[in-house]
Each structure stands twice: as structure tokens, then as C-alpha cells.
Full PDB file with SEQRES, HELIX, SHEET, SSBOND, CRYST1, ORIGX, SCALE, CONECT and MASTER records, all heavy atoms in Angstrom:
SEQRES   1 A   38  VAL LEU THR GLU LEU ASP GLU ARG THR GLU ASP GLN THR          
SEQRES   2 A   38  GLY HIS ALA ILE TRP ARG GLN LEU ARG GLU ILE THR ILE          
SEQRES   3 A   38  PHE GLY PHE TYR THR SER GLU GLN ALA MET GLN GLU              
HELIX    1 AA1 LEU A    2  GLU A    7  1                                   6    
HELIX    2 AA2 HIS A   15  TYR A   30  1                                  16    
HELIX    3 AA3 GLU A   33  GLN A   37  1                                   5    
CRYST1    1.000    1.000    1.000  90.00  90.00  90.00 P 1           1          
ORIGX1      1.000000  0.000000  0.000000        0.00000                         
ORIGX2      0.000000  1.000000  0.000000        0.00000                         
ORIGX3      0.000000  0.000000  1.000000        0.00000                         
SCALE1      1.000000  0.000000  0.000000        0.00000                         
SCALE2      0.000000  1.000000  0.000000        0.00000                         
SCALE3      0.000000  0.000000  1.000000        0.00000                         
ATOM      1  N   VAL A   1       0.876  -1.206  -0.029  1.00  0.00           N  
ATOM      2  CA  VAL A   1      -0.003   0.010  -0.037  1.00  0.00           C  
ATOM      3  C   VAL A   1       0.804   1.186   0.010  1.00  0.00           C  
ATOM      4  O   VAL A   1       0.654   2.167  -0.768  1.00  0.00           O  
ATOM      5  CB  VAL A   1      -1.014  -0.030   1.203  1.00  0.00           C  
ATOM      6  CG1 VAL A   1      -1.584   1.416   1.457  1.00  0.00           C  
ATOM      7  CG2 VAL A   1      -2.012  -1.024   1.007  1.00  0.00           C  
ATOM      8  N   LEU A   2       1.821   1.294   0.851  1.00  0.00           N  
ATOM      9  CA  LEU A   2       2.746   2.390   0.919  1.00  0.00           C  
ATOM     10  C   LEU A   2       3.507   2.600  -0.449  1.00  0.00           C  
ATOM     11  O   LEU A   2       3.725   3.705  -0.908  1.00  0.00           O  
ATOM     12  CB  LEU A   2       3.831   2.320   2.054  1.00  0.00           C  
ATOM     13  CG  LEU A   2       3.180   2.267   3.439  1.00  0.00           C  
ATOM     14  CD1 LEU A   2       4.317   2.276   4.547  1.00  0.00           C  
ATOM     15  CD2 LEU A   2       2.191   3.466   3.680  1.00  0.00           C  
ATOM     16  N   THR A   3       3.925   1.564  -1.013  1.00  0.00           N  
ATOM     17  CA  THR A   3       4.656   1.637  -2.287  1.00  0.00           C  
ATOM     18  C   THR A   3       3.737   2.247  -3.309  1.00  0.00           C  
ATOM     19  O   THR A   3       4.126   3.015  -4.152  1.00  0.00           O  
ATOM     20  CB  THR A   3       5.248   0.215  -2.691  1.00  0.00           C  
ATOM     21  OG1 THR A   3       6.099  -0.231  -1.715  1.00  0.00           O  
ATOM     22  CG2 THR A   3       5.940   0.309  -4.027  1.00  0.00           C  
ATOM     23  N   GLU A   4       2.444   1.719  -3.394  1.00  0.00           N  
ATOM     24  CA  GLU A   4       1.514   2.192  -4.233  1.00  0.00           C  
ATOM     25  C   GLU A   4       1.342   3.718  -4.123  1.00  0.00           C  
ATOM     26  O   GLU A   4       1.173   4.399  -5.151  1.00  0.00           O  
ATOM     27  CB  GLU A   4       0.212   1.401  -4.202  1.00  0.00           C  
ATOM     28  CG  GLU A   4      -0.815   1.810  -5.289  1.00  0.00           C  
ATOM     29  CD  GLU A   4      -2.082   0.938  -5.200  1.00  0.00           C  
ATOM     30  OE1 GLU A   4      -2.014  -0.242  -4.691  1.00  0.00           O  
ATOM     31  OE2 GLU A   4      -3.206   1.484  -5.384  1.00  0.00           O  
ATOM     32  N   LEU A   5       1.128   4.157  -3.029  1.00  0.00           N  
ATOM     33  CA  LEU A   5       0.943   5.541  -2.658  1.00  0.00           C  
ATOM     34  C   LEU A   5       2.087   6.378  -3.031  1.00  0.00           C  
ATOM     35  O   LEU A   5       2.053   7.443  -3.649  1.00  0.00           O  
ATOM     36  CB  LEU A   5       0.565   5.784  -1.231  1.00  0.00           C  
ATOM     37  CG  LEU A   5      -0.856   5.340  -0.755  1.00  0.00           C  
ATOM     38  CD1 LEU A   5      -0.924   5.460   0.784  1.00  0.00           C  
ATOM     39  CD2 LEU A   5      -1.879   6.202  -1.366  1.00  0.00           C  
ATOM     40  N   ASP A   6       3.322   5.875  -2.859  1.00  0.00           N  
ATOM     41  CA  ASP A   6       4.484   6.569  -3.195  1.00  0.00           C  
ATOM     42  C   ASP A   6       4.701   6.675  -4.709  1.00  0.00           C  
ATOM     43  O   ASP A   6       5.228   7.724  -5.173  1.00  0.00           O  
ATOM     44  CB  ASP A   6       5.715   5.869  -2.590  1.00  0.00           C  
ATOM     45  CG  ASP A   6       6.963   6.690  -2.654  1.00  0.00           C  
ATOM     46  OD1 ASP A   6       6.963   7.803  -2.165  1.00  0.00           O  
ATOM     47  OD2 ASP A   6       8.033   6.172  -3.061  1.00  0.00           O  
ATOM     48  N   GLU A   7       4.274   5.752  -5.396  1.00  0.00           N  
ATOM     49  CA  GLU A   7       4.359   5.758  -6.960  1.00  0.00           C  
ATOM     50  C   GLU A   7       3.279   6.602  -7.584  1.00  0.00           C  
ATOM     51  O   GLU A   7       3.396   6.875  -8.775  1.00  0.00           O  
ATOM     52  CB  GLU A   7       4.326   4.336  -7.425  1.00  0.00           C  
ATOM     53  CG  GLU A   7       5.621   3.518  -6.982  1.00  0.00           C  
ATOM     54  CD  GLU A   7       5.526   2.037  -7.427  1.00  0.00           C  
ATOM     55  OE1 GLU A   7       4.440   1.531  -7.810  1.00  0.00           O  
ATOM     56  OE2 GLU A   7       6.632   1.477  -7.275  1.00  0.00           O  
ATOM     57  N   ARG A   8       2.270   7.014  -6.878  1.00  0.00           N  
ATOM     58  CA  ARG A   8       1.170   7.844  -7.483  1.00  0.00           C  
ATOM     59  C   ARG A   8       1.689   9.194  -7.719  1.00  0.00           C  
ATOM     60  O   ARG A   8       2.624   9.706  -7.055  1.00  0.00           O  
ATOM     61  CB  ARG A   8       0.036   7.912  -6.572  1.00  0.00           C  
ATOM     62  CG  ARG A   8      -0.781   6.628  -6.417  1.00  0.00           C  
ATOM     63  CD  ARG A   8      -1.982   6.698  -5.690  1.00  0.00           C  
ATOM     64  NE  ARG A   8      -2.713   5.491  -5.688  1.00  0.00           N  
ATOM     65  CZ  ARG A   8      -3.845   5.358  -5.228  1.00  0.00           C  
ATOM     66  NH1 ARG A   8      -4.639   6.296  -4.780  1.00  0.00           N  
ATOM     67  NH2 ARG A   8      -4.518   4.115  -5.323  1.00  0.00           N  
ATOM     68  N   THR A   9       1.074   9.861  -8.747  1.00  0.00           N  
ATOM     69  CA  THR A   9       1.496  11.190  -9.138  1.00  0.00           C  
ATOM     70  C   THR A   9       0.646  12.200  -8.262  1.00  0.00           C  
ATOM     71  O   THR A   9      -0.270  11.813  -7.593  1.00  0.00           O  
ATOM     72  CB  THR A   9       1.121  11.467 -10.632  1.00  0.00           C  
ATOM     73  OG1 THR A   9      -0.283  11.257 -10.845  1.00  0.00           O  
ATOM     74  CG2 THR A   9       1.970  10.571 -11.486  1.00  0.00           C  
ATOM     75  N   GLU A  10       1.051  13.472  -8.218  1.00  0.00           N  
ATOM     76  CA  GLU A  10       0.505  14.429  -7.368  1.00  0.00           C  
ATOM     77  C   GLU A  10      -0.997  14.576  -7.539  1.00  0.00           C  
ATOM     78  O   GLU A  10      -1.771  14.944  -6.610  1.00  0.00           O  
ATOM     79  CB  GLU A  10       1.159  15.771  -7.458  1.00  0.00           C  
ATOM     80  CG  GLU A  10       2.578  15.690  -6.998  1.00  0.00           C  
ATOM     81  CD  GLU A  10       3.273  17.137  -7.052  1.00  0.00           C  
ATOM     82  OE1 GLU A  10       2.494  18.114  -7.030  1.00  0.00           O  
ATOM     83  OE2 GLU A  10       4.488  17.180  -7.167  1.00  0.00           O  
ATOM     84  N   ASP A  11      -1.495  14.364  -8.764  1.00  0.00           N  
ATOM     85  CA  ASP A  11      -2.938  14.530  -9.001  1.00  0.00           C  
ATOM     86  C   ASP A  11      -3.771  13.352  -8.685  1.00  0.00           C  
ATOM     87  O   ASP A  11      -5.015  13.287  -8.706  1.00  0.00           O  
ATOM     88  CB  ASP A  11      -3.152  14.916 -10.422  1.00  0.00           C  
ATOM     89  CG  ASP A  11      -2.675  13.944 -11.520  1.00  0.00           C  
ATOM     90  OD1 ASP A  11      -1.691  13.203 -11.047  1.00  0.00           O  
ATOM     91  OD2 ASP A  11      -3.210  13.827 -12.588  1.00  0.00           O  
ATOM     92  N   GLN A  12      -3.139  12.258  -8.245  1.00  0.00           N  
ATOM     93  CA  GLN A  12      -3.900  11.055  -7.920  1.00  0.00           C  
ATOM     94  C   GLN A  12      -4.272  11.013  -6.433  1.00  0.00           C  
ATOM     95  O   GLN A  12      -3.505  11.481  -5.603  1.00  0.00           O  
ATOM     96  CB  GLN A  12      -2.999   9.737  -8.308  1.00  0.00           C  
ATOM     97  CG  GLN A  12      -2.858   9.492  -9.763  1.00  0.00           C  
ATOM     98  CD  GLN A  12      -2.081   8.214  -9.993  1.00  0.00           C  
ATOM     99  OE1 GLN A  12      -0.980   8.103  -9.601  1.00  0.00           O  
ATOM    100  NE2 GLN A  12      -2.749   7.312 -10.790  1.00  0.00           N  
ATOM    101  N   THR A  13      -5.380  10.398  -6.107  1.00  0.00           N  
ATOM    102  CA  THR A  13      -5.871  10.353  -4.764  1.00  0.00           C  
ATOM    103  C   THR A  13      -4.874   9.551  -3.822  1.00  0.00           C  
ATOM    104  O   THR A  13      -4.348   8.502  -4.219  1.00  0.00           O  
ATOM    105  CB  THR A  13      -7.240   9.627  -4.713  1.00  0.00           C  
ATOM    106  OG1 THR A  13      -8.141  10.204  -5.648  1.00  0.00           O  
ATOM    107  CG2 THR A  13      -7.828   9.494  -3.288  1.00  0.00           C  
ATOM    108  N   GLY A  14      -4.688  10.135  -2.689  1.00  0.00           N  
ATOM    109  CA  GLY A  14      -3.877   9.555  -1.684  1.00  0.00           C  
ATOM    110  C   GLY A  14      -2.396   9.900  -1.730  1.00  0.00           C  
ATOM    111  O   GLY A  14      -1.654   9.851  -0.738  1.00  0.00           O  
ATOM    112  N   HIS A  15      -1.914  10.548  -2.810  1.00  0.00           N  
ATOM    113  CA  HIS A  15      -0.543  10.916  -2.823  1.00  0.00           C  
ATOM    114  C   HIS A  15      -0.250  12.086  -1.844  1.00  0.00           C  
ATOM    115  O   HIS A  15       0.753  11.990  -1.143  1.00  0.00           O  
ATOM    116  CB  HIS A  15      -0.168  11.416  -4.377  1.00  0.00           C  
ATOM    117  CG  HIS A  15       1.275  11.813  -4.352  1.00  0.00           C  
ATOM    118  ND1 HIS A  15       2.345  10.964  -4.400  1.00  0.00           N  
ATOM    119  CD2 HIS A  15       1.813  13.062  -4.381  1.00  0.00           C  
ATOM    120  CE1 HIS A  15       3.458  11.623  -4.485  1.00  0.00           C  
ATOM    121  NE2 HIS A  15       3.168  12.841  -4.438  1.00  0.00           N  
ATOM    122  N   ALA A  16      -1.081  12.993  -1.764  1.00  0.00           N  
ATOM    123  CA  ALA A  16      -0.964  14.202  -0.879  1.00  0.00           C  
ATOM    124  C   ALA A  16      -0.805  13.726   0.565  1.00  0.00           C  
ATOM    125  O   ALA A  16       0.061  14.158   1.324  1.00  0.00           O  
ATOM    126  CB  ALA A  16      -2.039  15.260  -1.089  1.00  0.00           C  
ATOM    127  N   ILE A  17      -1.741  12.888   1.056  1.00  0.00           N  
ATOM    128  CA  ILE A  17      -1.769  12.468   2.369  1.00  0.00           C  
ATOM    129  C   ILE A  17      -0.468  11.630   2.708  1.00  0.00           C  
ATOM    130  O   ILE A  17       0.167  11.765   3.766  1.00  0.00           O  
ATOM    131  CB  ILE A  17      -3.008  11.681   2.911  1.00  0.00           C  
ATOM    132  CG1 ILE A  17      -2.985  11.506   4.432  1.00  0.00           C  
ATOM    133  CG2 ILE A  17      -3.153  10.433   2.144  1.00  0.00           C  
ATOM    134  CD1 ILE A  17      -3.074  12.641   5.255  1.00  0.00           C  
ATOM    135  N   TRP A  18      -0.099  10.800   1.802  1.00  0.00           N  
ATOM    136  CA  TRP A  18       1.075   9.939   1.901  1.00  0.00           C  
ATOM    137  C   TRP A  18       2.298  10.894   2.050  1.00  0.00           C  
ATOM    138  O   TRP A  18       3.163  10.648   2.970  1.00  0.00           O  
ATOM    139  CB  TRP A  18       1.247   9.034   0.686  1.00  0.00           C  
ATOM    140  CG  TRP A  18       2.664   8.479   0.629  1.00  0.00           C  
ATOM    141  CD1 TRP A  18       3.500   8.684  -0.414  1.00  0.00           C  
ATOM    142  CD2 TRP A  18       3.336   7.684   1.562  1.00  0.00           C  
ATOM    143  NE1 TRP A  18       4.686   8.093  -0.239  1.00  0.00           N  
ATOM    144  CE2 TRP A  18       4.649   7.414   1.036  1.00  0.00           C  
ATOM    145  CE3 TRP A  18       3.096   7.061   2.762  1.00  0.00           C  
ATOM    146  CZ2 TRP A  18       5.610   6.671   1.622  1.00  0.00           C  
ATOM    147  CZ3 TRP A  18       4.075   6.364   3.407  1.00  0.00           C  
ATOM    148  CH2 TRP A  18       5.345   6.122   2.823  1.00  0.00           C  
ATOM    149  N   ARG A  19       2.414  11.819   1.251  1.00  0.00           N  
ATOM    150  CA  ARG A  19       3.583  12.771   1.203  1.00  0.00           C  
ATOM    151  C   ARG A  19       3.615  13.502   2.498  1.00  0.00           C  
ATOM    152  O   ARG A  19       4.702  13.629   3.068  1.00  0.00           O  
ATOM    153  CB  ARG A  19       3.462  13.671  -0.013  1.00  0.00           C  
ATOM    154  CG  ARG A  19       4.633  14.542  -0.205  1.00  0.00           C  
ATOM    155  CD  ARG A  19       4.599  15.316  -1.476  1.00  0.00           C  
ATOM    156  NE  ARG A  19       5.502  16.434  -1.484  1.00  0.00           N  
ATOM    157  CZ  ARG A  19       5.485  17.381  -2.252  1.00  0.00           C  
ATOM    158  NH1 ARG A  19       4.578  17.510  -3.179  1.00  0.00           N  
ATOM    159  NH2 ARG A  19       6.442  18.294  -2.216  1.00  0.00           N  
ATOM    160  N   GLN A  20       2.453  13.935   2.943  1.00  0.00           N  
ATOM    161  CA  GLN A  20       2.424  14.803   4.222  1.00  0.00           C  
ATOM    162  C   GLN A  20       2.894  13.956   5.436  1.00  0.00           C  
ATOM    163  O   GLN A  20       3.545  14.346   6.214  1.00  0.00           O  
ATOM    164  CB  GLN A  20       1.005  15.437   4.407  1.00  0.00           C  
ATOM    165  CG  GLN A  20       0.908  16.300   5.584  1.00  0.00           C  
ATOM    166  CD  GLN A  20      -0.482  16.796   5.824  1.00  0.00           C  
ATOM    167  OE1 GLN A  20      -1.509  16.216   5.347  1.00  0.00           O  
ATOM    168  NE2 GLN A  20      -0.567  17.897   6.432  1.00  0.00           N  
ATOM    169  N   LEU A  21       2.280  12.734   5.483  1.00  0.00           N  
ATOM    170  CA  LEU A  21       2.615  11.891   6.560  1.00  0.00           C  
ATOM    171  C   LEU A  21       4.046  11.438   6.573  1.00  0.00           C  
ATOM    172  O   LEU A  21       4.735  11.454   7.670  1.00  0.00           O  
ATOM    173  CB  LEU A  21       1.725  10.676   6.505  1.00  0.00           C  
ATOM    174  CG  LEU A  21       1.732   9.664   7.753  1.00  0.00           C  
ATOM    175  CD1 LEU A  21       1.484  10.482   9.084  1.00  0.00           C  
ATOM    176  CD2 LEU A  21       0.700   8.510   7.490  1.00  0.00           C  
ATOM    177  N   ARG A  22       4.656  11.148   5.385  1.00  0.00           N  
ATOM    178  CA  ARG A  22       6.041  10.836   5.244  1.00  0.00           C  
ATOM    179  C   ARG A  22       6.910  11.976   5.666  1.00  0.00           C  
ATOM    180  O   ARG A  22       7.872  11.776   6.432  1.00  0.00           O  
ATOM    181  CB  ARG A  22       6.410  10.466   3.824  1.00  0.00           C  
ATOM    182  CG  ARG A  22       7.785   9.917   3.623  1.00  0.00           C  
ATOM    183  CD  ARG A  22       8.062   9.568   2.203  1.00  0.00           C  
ATOM    184  NE  ARG A  22       7.910  10.828   1.446  1.00  0.00           N  
ATOM    185  CZ  ARG A  22       7.775  10.882   0.062  1.00  0.00           C  
ATOM    186  NH1 ARG A  22       7.627   9.781  -0.562  1.00  0.00           N  
ATOM    187  NH2 ARG A  22       7.792  12.076  -0.438  1.00  0.00           N  
ATOM    188  N   GLU A  23       6.636  13.148   5.214  1.00  0.00           N  
ATOM    189  CA  GLU A  23       7.373  14.382   5.557  1.00  0.00           C  
ATOM    190  C   GLU A  23       7.344  14.682   7.034  1.00  0.00           C  
ATOM    191  O   GLU A  23       8.397  14.975   7.648  1.00  0.00           O  
ATOM    192  CB  GLU A  23       7.006  15.524   4.733  1.00  0.00           C  
ATOM    193  CG  GLU A  23       7.391  15.473   3.306  1.00  0.00           C  
ATOM    194  CD  GLU A  23       6.889  16.579   2.357  1.00  0.00           C  
ATOM    195  OE1 GLU A  23       6.097  17.498   2.991  1.00  0.00           O  
ATOM    196  OE2 GLU A  23       7.073  16.578   1.176  1.00  0.00           O  
ATOM    197  N   ILE A  24       6.222  14.576   7.654  1.00  0.00           N  
ATOM    198  CA  ILE A  24       6.155  14.861   9.143  1.00  0.00           C  
ATOM    199  C   ILE A  24       6.909  13.795   9.919  1.00  0.00           C  
ATOM    200  O   ILE A  24       7.538  14.105  10.850  1.00  0.00           O  
ATOM    201  CB  ILE A  24       4.630  14.880   9.605  1.00  0.00           C  
ATOM    202  CG1 ILE A  24       3.863  16.049   8.962  1.00  0.00           C  
ATOM    203  CG2 ILE A  24       4.548  14.914  11.060  1.00  0.00           C  
ATOM    204  CD1 ILE A  24       2.408  16.149   9.263  1.00  0.00           C  
ATOM    205  N   THR A  25       6.848  12.550   9.395  1.00  0.00           N  
ATOM    206  CA  THR A  25       7.589  11.414  10.040  1.00  0.00           C  
ATOM    207  C   THR A  25       9.033  11.710  10.030  1.00  0.00           C  
ATOM    208  O   THR A  25       9.781  11.602  11.021  1.00  0.00           O  
ATOM    209  CB  THR A  25       7.174  10.072   9.417  1.00  0.00           C  
ATOM    210  OG1 THR A  25       5.806   9.837   9.555  1.00  0.00           O  
ATOM    211  CG2 THR A  25       7.985   8.970   9.960  1.00  0.00           C  
ATOM    212  N   ILE A  26       9.584  12.057   8.824  1.00  0.00           N  
ATOM    213  CA  ILE A  26      10.981  12.187   8.602  1.00  0.00           C  
ATOM    214  C   ILE A  26      11.424  13.450   9.451  1.00  0.00           C  
ATOM    215  O   ILE A  26      12.422  13.352  10.135  1.00  0.00           O  
ATOM    216  CB  ILE A  26      11.391  12.401   7.114  1.00  0.00           C  
ATOM    217  CG1 ILE A  26      11.099  11.116   6.435  1.00  0.00           C  
ATOM    218  CG2 ILE A  26      12.766  12.856   6.966  1.00  0.00           C  
ATOM    219  CD1 ILE A  26      11.127  11.195   4.911  1.00  0.00           C  
ATOM    220  N   PHE A  27      10.691  14.505   9.449  1.00  0.00           N  
ATOM    221  CA  PHE A  27      11.076  15.700  10.186  1.00  0.00           C  
ATOM    222  C   PHE A  27      11.021  15.434  11.692  1.00  0.00           C  
ATOM    223  O   PHE A  27      11.917  15.760  12.405  1.00  0.00           O  
ATOM    224  CB  PHE A  27      10.174  16.886   9.853  1.00  0.00           C  
ATOM    225  CG  PHE A  27      10.617  18.208  10.522  1.00  0.00           C  
ATOM    226  CD1 PHE A  27      11.627  18.936  10.008  1.00  0.00           C  
ATOM    227  CD2 PHE A  27      10.025  18.562  11.775  1.00  0.00           C  
ATOM    228  CE1 PHE A  27      12.049  20.073  10.626  1.00  0.00           C  
ATOM    229  CE2 PHE A  27      10.422  19.776  12.343  1.00  0.00           C  
ATOM    230  CZ  PHE A  27      11.482  20.535  11.812  1.00  0.00           C  
ATOM    231  N   GLY A  28       9.973  14.695  12.079  1.00  0.00           N  
ATOM    232  CA  GLY A  28       9.799  14.347  13.569  1.00  0.00           C  
ATOM    233  C   GLY A  28      10.957  13.425  14.066  1.00  0.00           C  
ATOM    234  O   GLY A  28      11.443  13.698  15.144  1.00  0.00           O  
ATOM    235  N   PHE A  29      11.417  12.564  13.161  1.00  0.00           N  
ATOM    236  CA  PHE A  29      12.423  11.654  13.524  1.00  0.00           C  
ATOM    237  C   PHE A  29      13.719  12.375  13.656  1.00  0.00           C  
ATOM    238  O   PHE A  29      14.508  12.289  14.678  1.00  0.00           O  
ATOM    239  CB  PHE A  29      12.561  10.468  12.537  1.00  0.00           C  
ATOM    240  CG  PHE A  29      13.762   9.548  12.887  1.00  0.00           C  
ATOM    241  CD1 PHE A  29      13.662   8.667  13.952  1.00  0.00           C  
ATOM    242  CD2 PHE A  29      14.881   9.639  12.288  1.00  0.00           C  
ATOM    243  CE1 PHE A  29      14.600   7.782  14.269  1.00  0.00           C  
ATOM    244  CE2 PHE A  29      15.955   8.754  12.576  1.00  0.00           C  
ATOM    245  CZ  PHE A  29      15.786   7.891  13.525  1.00  0.00           C  
ATOM    246  N   TYR A  30      14.138  13.075  12.612  1.00  0.00           N  
ATOM    247  CA  TYR A  30      15.456  13.724  12.549  1.00  0.00           C  
ATOM    248  C   TYR A  30      15.661  14.962  13.474  1.00  0.00           C  
ATOM    249  O   TYR A  30      16.728  15.430  13.650  1.00  0.00           O  
ATOM    250  CB  TYR A  30      15.906  14.062  11.092  1.00  0.00           C  
ATOM    251  CG  TYR A  30      16.223  12.793  10.425  1.00  0.00           C  
ATOM    252  CD1 TYR A  30      15.406  12.263   9.411  1.00  0.00           C  
ATOM    253  CD2 TYR A  30      17.441  12.154  10.793  1.00  0.00           C  
ATOM    254  CE1 TYR A  30      15.809  11.053   8.808  1.00  0.00           C  
ATOM    255  CE2 TYR A  30      17.901  10.986  10.145  1.00  0.00           C  
ATOM    256  CZ  TYR A  30      17.029  10.422   9.118  1.00  0.00           C  
ATOM    257  OH  TYR A  30      17.400   9.176   8.557  1.00  0.00           O  
ATOM    258  N   THR A  31      14.507  15.435  14.043  1.00  0.00           N  
ATOM    259  CA  THR A  31      14.596  16.511  15.041  1.00  0.00           C  
ATOM    260  C   THR A  31      14.402  15.978  16.481  1.00  0.00           C  
ATOM    261  O   THR A  31      14.304  16.701  17.344  1.00  0.00           O  
ATOM    262  CB  THR A  31      13.610  17.668  14.799  1.00  0.00           C  
ATOM    263  OG1 THR A  31      12.273  17.082  14.740  1.00  0.00           O  
ATOM    264  CG2 THR A  31      13.868  18.298  13.448  1.00  0.00           C  
ATOM    265  N   SER A  32      14.286  14.579  16.599  1.00  0.00           N  
ATOM    266  CA  SER A  32      14.028  13.956  17.896  1.00  0.00           C  
ATOM    267  C   SER A  32      15.385  13.797  18.597  1.00  0.00           C  
ATOM    268  O   SER A  32      16.409  13.774  18.021  1.00  0.00           O  
ATOM    269  CB  SER A  32      13.415  12.657  17.677  1.00  0.00           C  
ATOM    270  OG  SER A  32      14.298  11.700  17.265  1.00  0.00           O  
ATOM    271  N   GLU A  33      15.285  13.671  19.930  1.00  0.00           N  
ATOM    272  CA  GLU A  33      16.452  13.431  20.797  1.00  0.00           C  
ATOM    273  C   GLU A  33      17.183  12.086  20.445  1.00  0.00           C  
ATOM    274  O   GLU A  33      18.369  12.006  20.375  1.00  0.00           O  
ATOM    275  CB  GLU A  33      16.090  13.472  22.193  1.00  0.00           C  
ATOM    276  CG  GLU A  33      17.180  13.421  23.171  1.00  0.00           C  
ATOM    277  CD  GLU A  33      16.789  13.545  24.652  1.00  0.00           C  
ATOM    278  OE1 GLU A  33      15.719  14.154  24.819  1.00  0.00           O  
ATOM    279  OE2 GLU A  33      17.535  13.007  25.463  1.00  0.00           O  
ATOM    280  N   GLN A  34      16.337  11.090  20.143  1.00  0.00           N  
ATOM    281  CA  GLN A  34      16.927   9.763  19.766  1.00  0.00           C  
ATOM    282  C   GLN A  34      17.848   9.810  18.461  1.00  0.00           C  
ATOM    283  O   GLN A  34      18.917   9.373  18.533  1.00  0.00           O  
ATOM    284  CB  GLN A  34      15.720   8.815  19.450  1.00  0.00           C  
ATOM    285  CG  GLN A  34      14.974   8.408  20.610  1.00  0.00           C  
ATOM    286  CD  GLN A  34      15.745   7.344  21.482  1.00  0.00           C  
ATOM    287  OE1 GLN A  34      16.659   6.725  20.995  1.00  0.00           O  
ATOM    288  NE2 GLN A  34      15.388   7.246  22.682  1.00  0.00           N  
ATOM    289  N   ALA A  35      17.324  10.537  17.476  1.00  0.00           N  
ATOM    290  CA  ALA A  35      18.180  10.680  16.295  1.00  0.00           C  
ATOM    291  C   ALA A  35      19.354  11.519  16.500  1.00  0.00           C  
ATOM    292  O   ALA A  35      20.458  11.163  16.020  1.00  0.00           O  
ATOM    293  CB  ALA A  35      17.241  11.345  15.120  1.00  0.00           C  
ATOM    294  N   MET A  36      19.235  12.504  17.294  1.00  0.00           N  
ATOM    295  CA  MET A  36      20.391  13.422  17.524  1.00  0.00           C  
ATOM    296  C   MET A  36      21.512  12.582  18.336  1.00  0.00           C  
ATOM    297  O   MET A  36      22.677  12.821  18.237  1.00  0.00           O  
ATOM    298  CB  MET A  36      19.995  14.686  18.341  1.00  0.00           C  
ATOM    299  CG  MET A  36      19.276  15.705  17.549  1.00  0.00           C  
ATOM    300  SD  MET A  36      20.242  16.263  16.170  1.00  0.00           S  
ATOM    301  CE  MET A  36      19.230  15.974  14.802  1.00  0.00           C  
ATOM    302  N   GLN A  37      21.142  11.637  19.229  1.00  0.00           N  
ATOM    303  CA  GLN A  37      22.071  10.901  19.909  1.00  0.00           C  
ATOM    304  C   GLN A  37      22.752   9.890  18.946  1.00  0.00           C  
ATOM    305  O   GLN A  37      23.845   9.456  19.075  1.00  0.00           O  
ATOM    306  CB  GLN A  37      21.398  10.087  21.034  1.00  0.00           C  
ATOM    307  CG  GLN A  37      20.972  11.038  22.136  1.00  0.00           C  
ATOM    308  CD  GLN A  37      20.176  10.234  23.155  1.00  0.00           C  
ATOM    309  OE1 GLN A  37      19.843   9.094  22.996  1.00  0.00           O  
ATOM    310  NE2 GLN A  37      19.849  11.009  24.303  1.00  0.00           N  
ATOM    311  N   GLU A  38      22.067   9.416  17.884  1.00  0.00           N  
ATOM    312  CA  GLU A  38      22.567   8.501  16.981  1.00  0.00           C  
ATOM    313  C   GLU A  38      23.446   9.136  15.891  1.00  0.00           C  
ATOM    314  O   GLU A  38      24.388   8.447  15.330  1.00  0.00           O  
ATOM    315  CB  GLU A  38      21.493   7.726  16.324  1.00  0.00           C  
ATOM    316  CG  GLU A  38      20.653   6.802  17.225  1.00  0.00           C  
ATOM    317  CD  GLU A  38      21.550   5.669  17.909  1.00  0.00           C  
ATOM    318  OE1 GLU A  38      22.473   5.133  17.226  1.00  0.00           O  
ATOM    319  OE2 GLU A  38      21.438   5.425  19.078  1.00  0.00           O  
TER     320      GLU A  38                                                      
MASTER        0    0    0    3    0    0    0    6  319    1    0    3          
END                                                                             
């Protein structure tokens, strides 16, 4: 499911929410204390 959403183009349903969730996850991880310790 995640691969399918990632391969969708911007105008296809689900691509925007997938992109938003992925970006928040990446930002949240790399600004976390855990990531900074690693």
C-alpha cells in the first residue's frame, strides 16, 4: 500500500496524504532526541 501511494502522481488520490505523513515522520524523527544521539 505504501509503495503504491509513493508511486502515485500528485494529482492521484492519496498521494498528498502519503507525502504529508512521510514528511512529518521524517522531520519528527530527525529532530528528535533519539536521532540526535545516533
